[in-house]
């Protein structure tokens, strides 16, 4: 991981040496120019100073947690290492922990994705289908909204499943990779053979050879258990969630 460390003072510069990475001085208003100039050049940016300055510096640059670099903020005294942006998908959470261990600080991580033990077992299977050509950001936004509406933390999902004609669906693959979800692909014949009652669609049957993708895929991968969210569709994405016993 290529890491840049942006400091605002001499005290911060000393701490930056212990943090490692490539050092940049952001004293004065130039911090905004520095951040903008290296935003797409590094996998991670570490600001040594106040969170407020870091937030203002990156605010115009933020686009998507699947694209943005990881951002961590350390106070100048080295007491805390705060995961500020792209915590899970971008690696800021793990980077904050690494930096904290290196400088003797306390890591501050607020994303639920890395605290799923507080939210329940990580034993959910996500069945998913999507319209061709959707971006990873669009898929993630829809999945997050649908699960949120059913009070299901994405952090509890351990695996995902879909039909094998989606093997080359770049947005879907990238979404799964960003959330470290092993993706399983099943042929239409295998999905069609899954026992049970499923929401059927003639259009889906005509297009891919099976009447339902997300529910059947989730049930097939999940095995013994139950649905906690049946087929739900929004903006070209269909999802179902199966809880394994």
C-alpha atoms as a PDB file:
ATOM      1  CA  UNK A   1       0.000   0.000   0.000  1.00  0.00           C
ATOM      2  CA  UNK A   2       1.491   3.344  -1.104  1.00  0.00           C
ATOM      3  CA  UNK A   3       0.998   5.801   1.724  1.00  0.00           C
ATOM      4  CA  UNK A   4       1.449   9.575   1.917  1.00  0.00           C
ATOM      5  CA  UNK A   5       1.704  11.375   5.255  1.00  0.00           C
ATOM      6  CA  UNK A   6       0.634  15.023   5.314  1.00  0.00           C
ATOM      7  CA  UNK A   7       1.776  17.126   8.249  1.00  0.00           C
ATOM      8  CA  UNK A   8       0.943  20.659   9.397  1.00  0.00           C
ATOM      9  CA  UNK A   9       3.725  21.375  11.907  1.00  0.00           C
ATOM     10  CA  UNK A  10       7.212  20.411  13.051  1.00  0.00           C
ATOM     11  CA  UNK A  11       5.736  18.242  15.785  1.00  0.00           C
ATOM     12  CA  UNK A  12       3.652  16.455  13.189  1.00  0.00           C
ATOM     13  CA  UNK A  13       6.682  16.006  10.954  1.00  0.00           C
ATOM     14  CA  UNK A  14       8.489  14.172  13.738  1.00  0.00           C
ATOM     15  CA  UNK A  15       5.547  11.823  14.201  1.00  0.00           C
ATOM     16  CA  UNK A  16       5.380  11.266  10.438  1.00  0.00           C
ATOM     17  CA  UNK A  17       8.878   9.751  10.557  1.00  0.00           C
ATOM     18  CA  UNK A  18       7.585   7.093  12.937  1.00  0.00           C
ATOM     19  CA  UNK A  19       4.504   6.481  10.824  1.00  0.00           C
ATOM     20  CA  UNK A  20       6.460   5.936   7.619  1.00  0.00           C
ATOM     21  CA  UNK A  21       5.345   6.525   4.044  1.00  0.00           C
ATOM     22  CA  UNK A  22       6.129   9.508   1.837  1.00  0.00           C
ATOM     23  CA  UNK A  23       6.040  12.799   3.748  1.00  0.00           C
ATOM     24  CA  UNK A  24       4.337  15.975   2.511  1.00  0.00           C
ATOM     25  CA  UNK A  25       4.062  19.341   4.238  1.00  0.00           C
ATOM     26  CA  UNK A  26       0.595  20.842   4.283  1.00  0.00           C
ATOM     27  CA  UNK A  27       1.266  23.937   6.336  1.00  0.00           C
ATOM     28  CA  UNK A  28      -1.135  26.787   5.779  1.00  0.00           C
ATOM     29  CA  UNK A  29      -3.693  26.698   3.006  1.00  0.00           C
ATOM     30  CA  UNK A  30      -1.400  24.530   0.892  1.00  0.00           C
ATOM     31  CA  UNK A  31      -2.815  21.424   2.601  1.00  0.00           C
ATOM     32  CA  UNK A  32      -5.754  21.646   0.211  1.00  0.00           C
ATOM     33  CA  UNK A  33      -3.440  21.793  -2.795  1.00  0.00           C
ATOM     34  CA  UNK A  34      -1.288  18.970  -1.463  1.00  0.00           C
ATOM     35  CA  UNK A  35      -4.271  16.692  -0.879  1.00  0.00           C
ATOM     36  CA  UNK A  36      -5.733  17.427  -4.312  1.00  0.00           C
ATOM     37  CA  UNK A  37      -2.389  16.865  -6.012  1.00  0.00           C
ATOM     38  CA  UNK A  38      -1.767  13.409  -4.576  1.00  0.00           C
ATOM     39  CA  UNK A  39      -5.331  12.141  -4.073  1.00  0.00           C
ATOM     40  CA  UNK A  40      -5.188   9.716  -7.003  1.00  0.00           C
ATOM     41  CA  UNK A  41      -1.515   8.870  -6.595  1.00  0.00           C
ATOM     42  CA  UNK A  42      -1.616   6.952  -3.314  1.00  0.00           C
ATOM     43  CA  UNK A  43      -3.563   4.072  -1.802  1.00  0.00           C
ATOM     44  CA  UNK A  44      -3.701   5.869   1.548  1.00  0.00           C
ATOM     45  CA  UNK A  45      -3.363   9.377   2.952  1.00  0.00           C
ATOM     46  CA  UNK A  46      -2.460   9.952   6.591  1.00  0.00           C
ATOM     47  CA  UNK A  47      -3.029  13.413   8.031  1.00  0.00           C
ATOM     48  CA  UNK A  48      -1.146  14.357  11.188  1.00  0.00           C
ATOM     49  CA  UNK A  49      -3.178  17.071  12.829  1.00  0.00           C
ATOM     50  CA  UNK A  50      -6.789  18.044  13.413  1.00  0.00           C
ATOM     51  CA  UNK A  51      -9.637  16.012  11.920  1.00  0.00           C
ATOM     52  CA  UNK A  52     -11.378  19.216  10.884  1.00  0.00           C
ATOM     53  CA  UNK A  53      -8.517  20.242   8.601  1.00  0.00           C
ATOM     54  CA  UNK A  54      -8.345  16.762   7.077  1.00  0.00           C
ATOM     55  CA  UNK A  55     -12.092  16.723   6.425  1.00  0.00           C
ATOM     56  CA  UNK A  56     -12.038  20.120   4.735  1.00  0.00           C
ATOM     57  CA  UNK A  57      -9.027  19.117   2.641  1.00  0.00           C
ATOM     58  CA  UNK A  58     -10.569  15.922   1.279  1.00  0.00           C
ATOM     59  CA  UNK A  59     -14.224  17.021   1.067  1.00  0.00           C
ATOM     60  CA  UNK A  60     -14.066  18.240  -2.572  1.00  0.00           C
ATOM     61  CA  UNK A  61     -12.192  15.083  -3.596  1.00  0.00           C
ATOM     62  CA  UNK A  62     -14.406  12.340  -2.174  1.00  0.00           C
ATOM     63  CA  UNK A  63     -16.299  10.286  -4.769  1.00  0.00           C
ATOM     64  CA  UNK A  64     -16.797   6.673  -3.697  1.00  0.00           C
ATOM     65  CA  UNK A  65     -15.479   4.390  -0.994  1.00  0.00           C
ATOM     66  CA  UNK A  66     -14.767   1.857  -3.740  1.00  0.00           C
ATOM     67  CA  UNK A  67     -12.440   4.347  -5.465  1.00  0.00           C
ATOM     68  CA  UNK A  68     -11.188   6.798  -2.849  1.00  0.00           C
ATOM     69  CA  UNK A  69      -7.911   6.167  -1.026  1.00  0.00           C
ATOM     70  CA  UNK A  70      -7.938   5.181   2.621  1.00  0.00           C
ATOM     71  CA  UNK A  71      -7.693   8.213   4.907  1.00  0.00           C
ATOM     72  CA  UNK A  72      -6.388   8.083   8.469  1.00  0.00           C
ATOM     73  CA  UNK A  73      -5.899  11.003  10.878  1.00  0.00           C
ATOM     74  CA  UNK A  74      -3.399  11.007  13.750  1.00  0.00           C
ATOM     75  CA  UNK A  75      -3.287  13.747  16.358  1.00  0.00           C
ATOM     76  CA  UNK A  76       0.102  15.414  16.718  1.00  0.00           C
ATOM     77  CA  UNK A  77       0.719  13.852  20.132  1.00  0.00           C
ATOM     78  CA  UNK A  78       0.333  10.377  18.672  1.00  0.00           C
ATOM     79  CA  UNK A  79      -2.440   9.302  21.032  1.00  0.00           C
ATOM     80  CA  UNK A  80      -4.995   8.307  18.393  1.00  0.00           C
ATOM     81  CA  UNK A  81      -5.079   6.876  14.866  1.00  0.00           C
ATOM     82  CA  UNK A  82      -8.527   7.528  13.406  1.00  0.00           C
ATOM     83  CA  UNK A  83      -9.963   5.714  10.394  1.00  0.00           C
ATOM     84  CA  UNK A  84     -11.689   8.579   8.574  1.00  0.00           C
ATOM     85  CA  UNK A  85     -12.543   7.409   5.048  1.00  0.00           C
ATOM     86  CA  UNK A  86     -12.782   4.153   3.088  1.00  0.00           C
ATOM     87  CA  UNK A  87     -12.475   2.266   6.347  1.00  0.00           C
ATOM     88  CA  UNK A  88     -13.498  -1.187   5.249  1.00  0.00           C
ATOM     89  CA  UNK A  89     -13.309  -1.325   1.449  1.00  0.00           C
ATOM     90  CA  UNK A  90     -10.281   0.975   1.198  1.00  0.00           C
ATOM     91  CA  UNK A  91      -8.352  -0.492   4.098  1.00  0.00           C
ATOM     92  CA  UNK A  92      -8.301   2.561   6.395  1.00  0.00           C
ATOM     93  CA  UNK A  93      -9.458   0.488   9.367  1.00  0.00           C
ATOM     94  CA  UNK A  94      -6.593  -1.968   9.151  1.00  0.00           C
ATOM     95  CA  UNK A  95      -4.157   0.860   8.388  1.00  0.00           C
ATOM     96  CA  UNK A  96      -5.292   2.754  11.497  1.00  0.00           C
ATOM     97  CA  UNK A  97      -4.619  -0.357  13.554  1.00  0.00           C
ATOM     98  CA  UNK A  98      -1.172  -0.820  11.989  1.00  0.00           C
ATOM     99  CA  UNK A  99      -0.222   2.815  12.584  1.00  0.00           C
ATOM    100  CA  UNK A 100      -1.543   2.692  16.144  1.00  0.00           C
ATOM    101  CA  UNK A 101       0.628  -0.308  16.888  1.00  0.00           C
ATOM    102  CA  UNK A 102       3.636   1.364  15.283  1.00  0.00           C
ATOM    103  CA  UNK A 103       3.424   4.611  17.253  1.00  0.00           C
ATOM    104  CA  UNK A 104       1.752   3.369  20.425  1.00  0.00           C
ATOM    105  CA  UNK A 105      -1.625   5.012  19.754  1.00  0.00           C
ATOM    106  CA  UNK A 106      -5.248   3.957  20.211  1.00  0.00           C
ATOM    107  CA  UNK A 107      -6.964   2.969  16.932  1.00  0.00           C
ATOM    108  CA  UNK A 108     -10.371   4.605  16.457  1.00  0.00           C
ATOM    109  CA  UNK A 109     -12.661   2.632  14.138  1.00  0.00           C
ATOM    110  CA  UNK A 110     -16.345   3.404  13.829  1.00  0.00           C
ATOM    111  CA  UNK A 111     -17.555   1.291  10.885  1.00  0.00           C
ATOM    112  CA  UNK A 112     -19.916  -1.568  11.665  1.00  0.00           C
ATOM    113  CA  UNK A 113     -18.181  -3.753   9.074  1.00  0.00           C
ATOM    114  CA  UNK A 114     -15.312  -4.351  11.455  1.00  0.00           C
ATOM    115  CA  UNK A 115     -17.476  -4.676  14.545  1.00  0.00           C
ATOM    116  CA  UNK A 116     -19.943  -7.289  13.297  1.00  0.00           C
ATOM    117  CA  UNK A 117     -19.534  -9.320  16.444  1.00  0.00           C
ATOM    118  CA  UNK A 118     -21.579  -6.658  18.211  1.00  0.00           C
ATOM    119  CA  UNK A 119     -24.309  -6.966  15.626  1.00  0.00           C
ATOM    120  CA  UNK A 120     -24.824 -10.713  15.481  1.00  0.00           C
ATOM    121  CA  UNK A 121     -23.207 -13.715  13.841  1.00  0.00           C
ATOM    122  CA  UNK A 122     -21.609 -13.358  10.426  1.00  0.00           C
ATOM    123  CA  UNK A 123     -23.780 -16.105   8.960  1.00  0.00           C
ATOM    124  CA  UNK A 124     -25.805 -14.476   6.193  1.00  0.00           C
ATOM    125  CA  UNK A 125     -25.778 -15.306   2.500  1.00  0.00           C
ATOM    126  CA  UNK A 126     -26.636 -12.635  -0.062  1.00  0.00           C
ATOM    127  CA  UNK A 127     -28.403 -13.785  -3.206  1.00  0.00           C
ATOM    128  CA  UNK A 128     -28.114 -11.116  -5.874  1.00  0.00           C
ATOM    129  CA  UNK A 129     -29.055 -10.353  -9.442  1.00  0.00           C
ATOM    130  CA  UNK A 130     -28.519  -7.163 -11.412  1.00  0.00           C
ATOM    131  CA  UNK A 131     -29.114  -5.439 -14.704  1.00  0.00           C
ATOM    132  CA  UNK A 132     -26.219  -5.516 -17.135  1.00  0.00           C
ATOM    133  CA  UNK A 133     -23.656  -2.748 -16.921  1.00  0.00           C
ATOM    134  CA  UNK A 134     -24.375  -1.424 -13.435  1.00  0.00           C
ATOM    135  CA  UNK A 135     -21.364   0.032 -11.648  1.00  0.00           C
ATOM    136  CA  UNK A 136     -20.057  -1.333  -8.365  1.00  0.00           C
ATOM    137  CA  UNK A 137     -21.050   1.948  -6.717  1.00  0.00           C
ATOM    138  CA  UNK A 138     -24.647   1.656  -7.963  1.00  0.00           C
ATOM    139  CA  UNK A 139     -24.898  -1.953  -6.784  1.00  0.00           C
ATOM    140  CA  UNK A 140     -23.418  -1.148  -3.401  1.00  0.00           C
ATOM    141  CA  UNK A 141     -25.744   1.812  -2.893  1.00  0.00           C
ATOM    142  CA  UNK A 142     -28.822  -0.273  -3.685  1.00  0.00           C
ATOM    143  CA  UNK A 143     -27.768  -3.287  -1.619  1.00  0.00           C
ATOM    144  CA  UNK A 144     -26.965  -1.050   1.341  1.00  0.00           C
ATOM    145  CA  UNK A 145     -30.348   0.690   1.148  1.00  0.00           C
ATOM    146  CA  UNK A 146     -32.331  -2.535   0.786  1.00  0.00           C
ATOM    147  CA  UNK A 147     -30.564  -4.235   3.675  1.00  0.00           C
ATOM    148  CA  UNK A 148     -30.838  -1.114   5.816  1.00  0.00           C
ATOM    149  CA  UNK A 149     -34.585  -1.006   5.203  1.00  0.00           C
ATOM    150  CA  UNK A 150     -34.792  -4.552   6.601  1.00  0.00           C
ATOM    151  CA  UNK A 151     -32.450  -3.731   9.506  1.00  0.00           C
ATOM    152  CA  UNK A 152     -29.841  -6.188   8.201  1.00  0.00           C
ATOM    153  CA  UNK A 153     -26.172  -5.111   8.609  1.00  0.00           C
ATOM    154  CA  UNK A 154     -24.114  -5.766   5.485  1.00  0.00           C
ATOM    155  CA  UNK A 155     -21.362  -6.655   7.945  1.00  0.00           C
ATOM    156  CA  UNK A 156     -23.182  -9.891   8.796  1.00  0.00           C
ATOM    157  CA  UNK A 157     -23.047 -11.112   5.190  1.00  0.00           C
ATOM    158  CA  UNK A 158     -20.277 -13.669   4.719  1.00  0.00           C
ATOM    159  CA  UNK A 159     -20.821 -14.832   1.118  1.00  0.00           C
ATOM    160  CA  UNK A 160     -22.808 -13.983  -1.999  1.00  0.00           C
ATOM    161  CA  UNK A 161     -24.317 -16.012  -4.813  1.00  0.00           C
ATOM    162  CA  UNK A 162     -25.779 -15.442  -8.261  1.00  0.00           C
ATOM    163  CA  UNK A 163     -26.219 -17.108 -11.653  1.00  0.00           C
ATOM    164  CA  UNK A 164     -23.187 -18.064 -13.729  1.00  0.00           C
ATOM    165  CA  UNK A 165     -24.038 -15.721 -16.617  1.00  0.00           C
ATOM    166  CA  UNK A 166     -22.927 -12.923 -14.268  1.00  0.00           C
ATOM    167  CA  UNK A 167     -19.325 -14.158 -14.069  1.00  0.00           C
ATOM    168  CA  UNK A 168     -18.214 -11.283 -16.294  1.00  0.00           C
ATOM    169  CA  UNK A 169     -20.353  -8.589 -14.659  1.00  0.00           C
ATOM    170  CA  UNK A 170     -17.598  -6.169 -13.675  1.00  0.00           C
ATOM    171  CA  UNK A 171     -19.639  -4.029 -11.278  1.00  0.00           C
ATOM    172  CA  UNK A 172     -20.946  -7.036  -9.383  1.00  0.00           C
ATOM    173  CA  UNK A 173     -17.493  -8.608  -9.125  1.00  0.00           C
ATOM    174  CA  UNK A 174     -15.955  -5.376  -7.898  1.00  0.00           C
ATOM    175  CA  UNK A 175     -18.694  -4.906  -5.319  1.00  0.00           C
ATOM    176  CA  UNK A 176     -18.052  -8.381  -3.926  1.00  0.00           C
ATOM    177  CA  UNK A 177     -14.282  -7.888  -3.889  1.00  0.00           C
ATOM    178  CA  UNK A 178     -14.562  -4.538  -2.121  1.00  0.00           C
ATOM    179  CA  UNK A 179     -16.517  -6.153   0.697  1.00  0.00           C
ATOM    180  CA  UNK A 180     -14.417  -9.328   0.702  1.00  0.00           C
ATOM    181  CA  UNK A 181     -17.434 -11.478  -0.147  1.00  0.00           C
ATOM    182  CA  UNK A 182     -16.644 -14.795  -1.862  1.00  0.00           C
ATOM    183  CA  UNK A 183     -18.984 -14.881  -4.861  1.00  0.00           C
ATOM    184  CA  UNK A 184     -20.489 -18.200  -5.955  1.00  0.00           C
ATOM    185  CA  UNK A 185     -21.885 -18.701  -9.458  1.00  0.00           C
ATOM    186  CA  UNK A 186     -24.474 -21.368 -10.257  1.00  0.00           C
ATOM    187  CA  UNK A 187     -25.842 -22.536 -13.635  1.00  0.00           C
ATOM    188  CA  UNK A 188     -29.545 -22.015 -14.334  1.00  0.00           C
ATOM    189  CA  UNK A 189     -30.231 -25.754 -14.213  1.00  0.00           C
ATOM    190  CA  UNK A 190     -28.806 -26.047 -10.714  1.00  0.00           C
ATOM    191  CA  UNK A 191     -30.762 -23.033  -9.488  1.00  0.00           C
ATOM    192  CA  UNK A 192     -33.970 -24.341 -11.009  1.00  0.00           C
ATOM    193  CA  UNK A 193     -33.558 -27.611  -9.106  1.00  0.00           C
ATOM    194  CA  UNK A 194     -33.492 -25.928  -5.669  1.00  0.00           C
ATOM    195  CA  UNK A 195     -36.574 -27.110  -3.728  1.00  0.00           C
ATOM    196  CA  UNK A 196     -38.943 -24.624  -2.148  1.00  0.00           C
ATOM    197  CA  UNK A 197     -41.299 -21.787  -3.030  1.00  0.00           C
ATOM    198  CA  UNK A 198     -39.763 -18.787  -4.739  1.00  0.00           C
ATOM    199  CA  UNK A 199     -40.997 -15.561  -6.275  1.00  0.00           C
ATOM    200  CA  UNK A 200     -41.190 -16.361  -9.994  1.00  0.00           C
ATOM    201  CA  UNK A 201     -40.635 -13.994 -12.913  1.00  0.00           C
ATOM    202  CA  UNK A 202     -41.447 -14.903 -16.521  1.00  0.00           C
ATOM    203  CA  UNK A 203     -39.093 -12.178 -17.732  1.00  0.00           C
ATOM    204  CA  UNK A 204     -36.178 -13.560 -15.706  1.00  0.00           C
ATOM    205  CA  UNK A 205     -37.005 -17.088 -16.901  1.00  0.00           C
ATOM    206  CA  UNK A 206     -36.910 -15.932 -20.520  1.00  0.00           C
ATOM    207  CA  UNK A 207     -33.648 -14.009 -20.072  1.00  0.00           C
ATOM    208  CA  UNK A 208     -31.515 -16.417 -18.013  1.00  0.00           C
ATOM    209  CA  UNK A 209     -33.342 -19.751 -18.015  1.00  0.00           C
ATOM    210  CA  UNK A 210     -34.560 -19.787 -14.400  1.00  0.00           C
ATOM    211  CA  UNK A 211     -37.542 -17.972 -12.856  1.00  0.00           C
ATOM    212  CA  UNK A 212     -35.673 -16.501  -9.869  1.00  0.00           C
ATOM    213  CA  UNK A 213     -31.974 -15.850  -9.288  1.00  0.00           C
ATOM    214  CA  UNK A 214     -31.445 -14.119  -5.952  1.00  0.00           C
ATOM    215  CA  UNK A 215     -33.665 -16.316  -3.747  1.00  0.00           C
ATOM    216  CA  UNK A 216     -32.646 -19.587  -5.345  1.00  0.00           C
ATOM    217  CA  UNK A 217     -28.947 -18.702  -5.263  1.00  0.00           C
ATOM    218  CA  UNK A 218     -29.126 -17.656  -1.607  1.00  0.00           C
ATOM    219  CA  UNK A 219     -30.971 -20.828  -0.603  1.00  0.00           C
ATOM    220  CA  UNK A 220     -28.612 -23.064  -2.563  1.00  0.00           C
ATOM    221  CA  UNK A 221     -25.505 -21.566  -0.997  1.00  0.00           C
ATOM    222  CA  UNK A 222     -27.027 -21.203   2.450  1.00  0.00           C
ATOM    223  CA  UNK A 223     -28.184 -24.800   2.821  1.00  0.00           C
ATOM    224  CA  UNK A 224     -30.017 -25.315   6.107  1.00  0.00           C
ATOM    225  CA  UNK A 225     -31.598 -22.152   7.435  1.00  0.00           C
ATOM    226  CA  UNK A 226     -34.233 -19.582   6.531  1.00  0.00           C
ATOM    227  CA  UNK A 227     -34.841 -16.410   4.568  1.00  0.00           C
ATOM    228  CA  UNK A 228     -34.769 -13.200   6.569  1.00  0.00           C
ATOM    229  CA  UNK A 229     -35.316 -11.127   3.439  1.00  0.00           C
ATOM    230  CA  UNK A 230     -37.142 -12.368   0.373  1.00  0.00           C
ATOM    231  CA  UNK A 231     -36.587 -11.078  -3.156  1.00  0.00           C
ATOM    232  CA  UNK A 232     -36.524  -7.289  -3.109  1.00  0.00           C
ATOM    233  CA  UNK A 233     -35.801  -5.125  -6.146  1.00  0.00           C
ATOM    234  CA  UNK A 234     -34.624  -1.576  -6.628  1.00  0.00           C
ATOM    235  CA  UNK A 235     -32.820   0.321  -9.408  1.00  0.00           C
ATOM    236  CA  UNK A 236     -31.981  -2.771 -11.438  1.00  0.00           C
ATOM    237  CA  UNK A 237     -30.743  -4.858  -8.495  1.00  0.00           C
ATOM    238  CA  UNK A 238     -32.559  -7.756  -6.820  1.00  0.00           C
ATOM    239  CA  UNK A 239     -31.416  -9.205  -3.503  1.00  0.00           C
ATOM    240  CA  UNK A 240     -32.457 -11.836  -1.005  1.00  0.00           C
ATOM    241  CA  UNK A 241     -30.826 -12.713   2.315  1.00  0.00           C
ATOM    242  CA  UNK A 242     -30.637 -16.222   3.768  1.00  0.00           C
ATOM    243  CA  UNK A 243     -29.561 -16.966   7.341  1.00  0.00           C
ATOM    244  CA  UNK A 244     -27.619 -20.179   7.791  1.00  0.00           C
ATOM    245  CA  UNK A 245     -28.288 -22.341  10.857  1.00  0.00           C
END
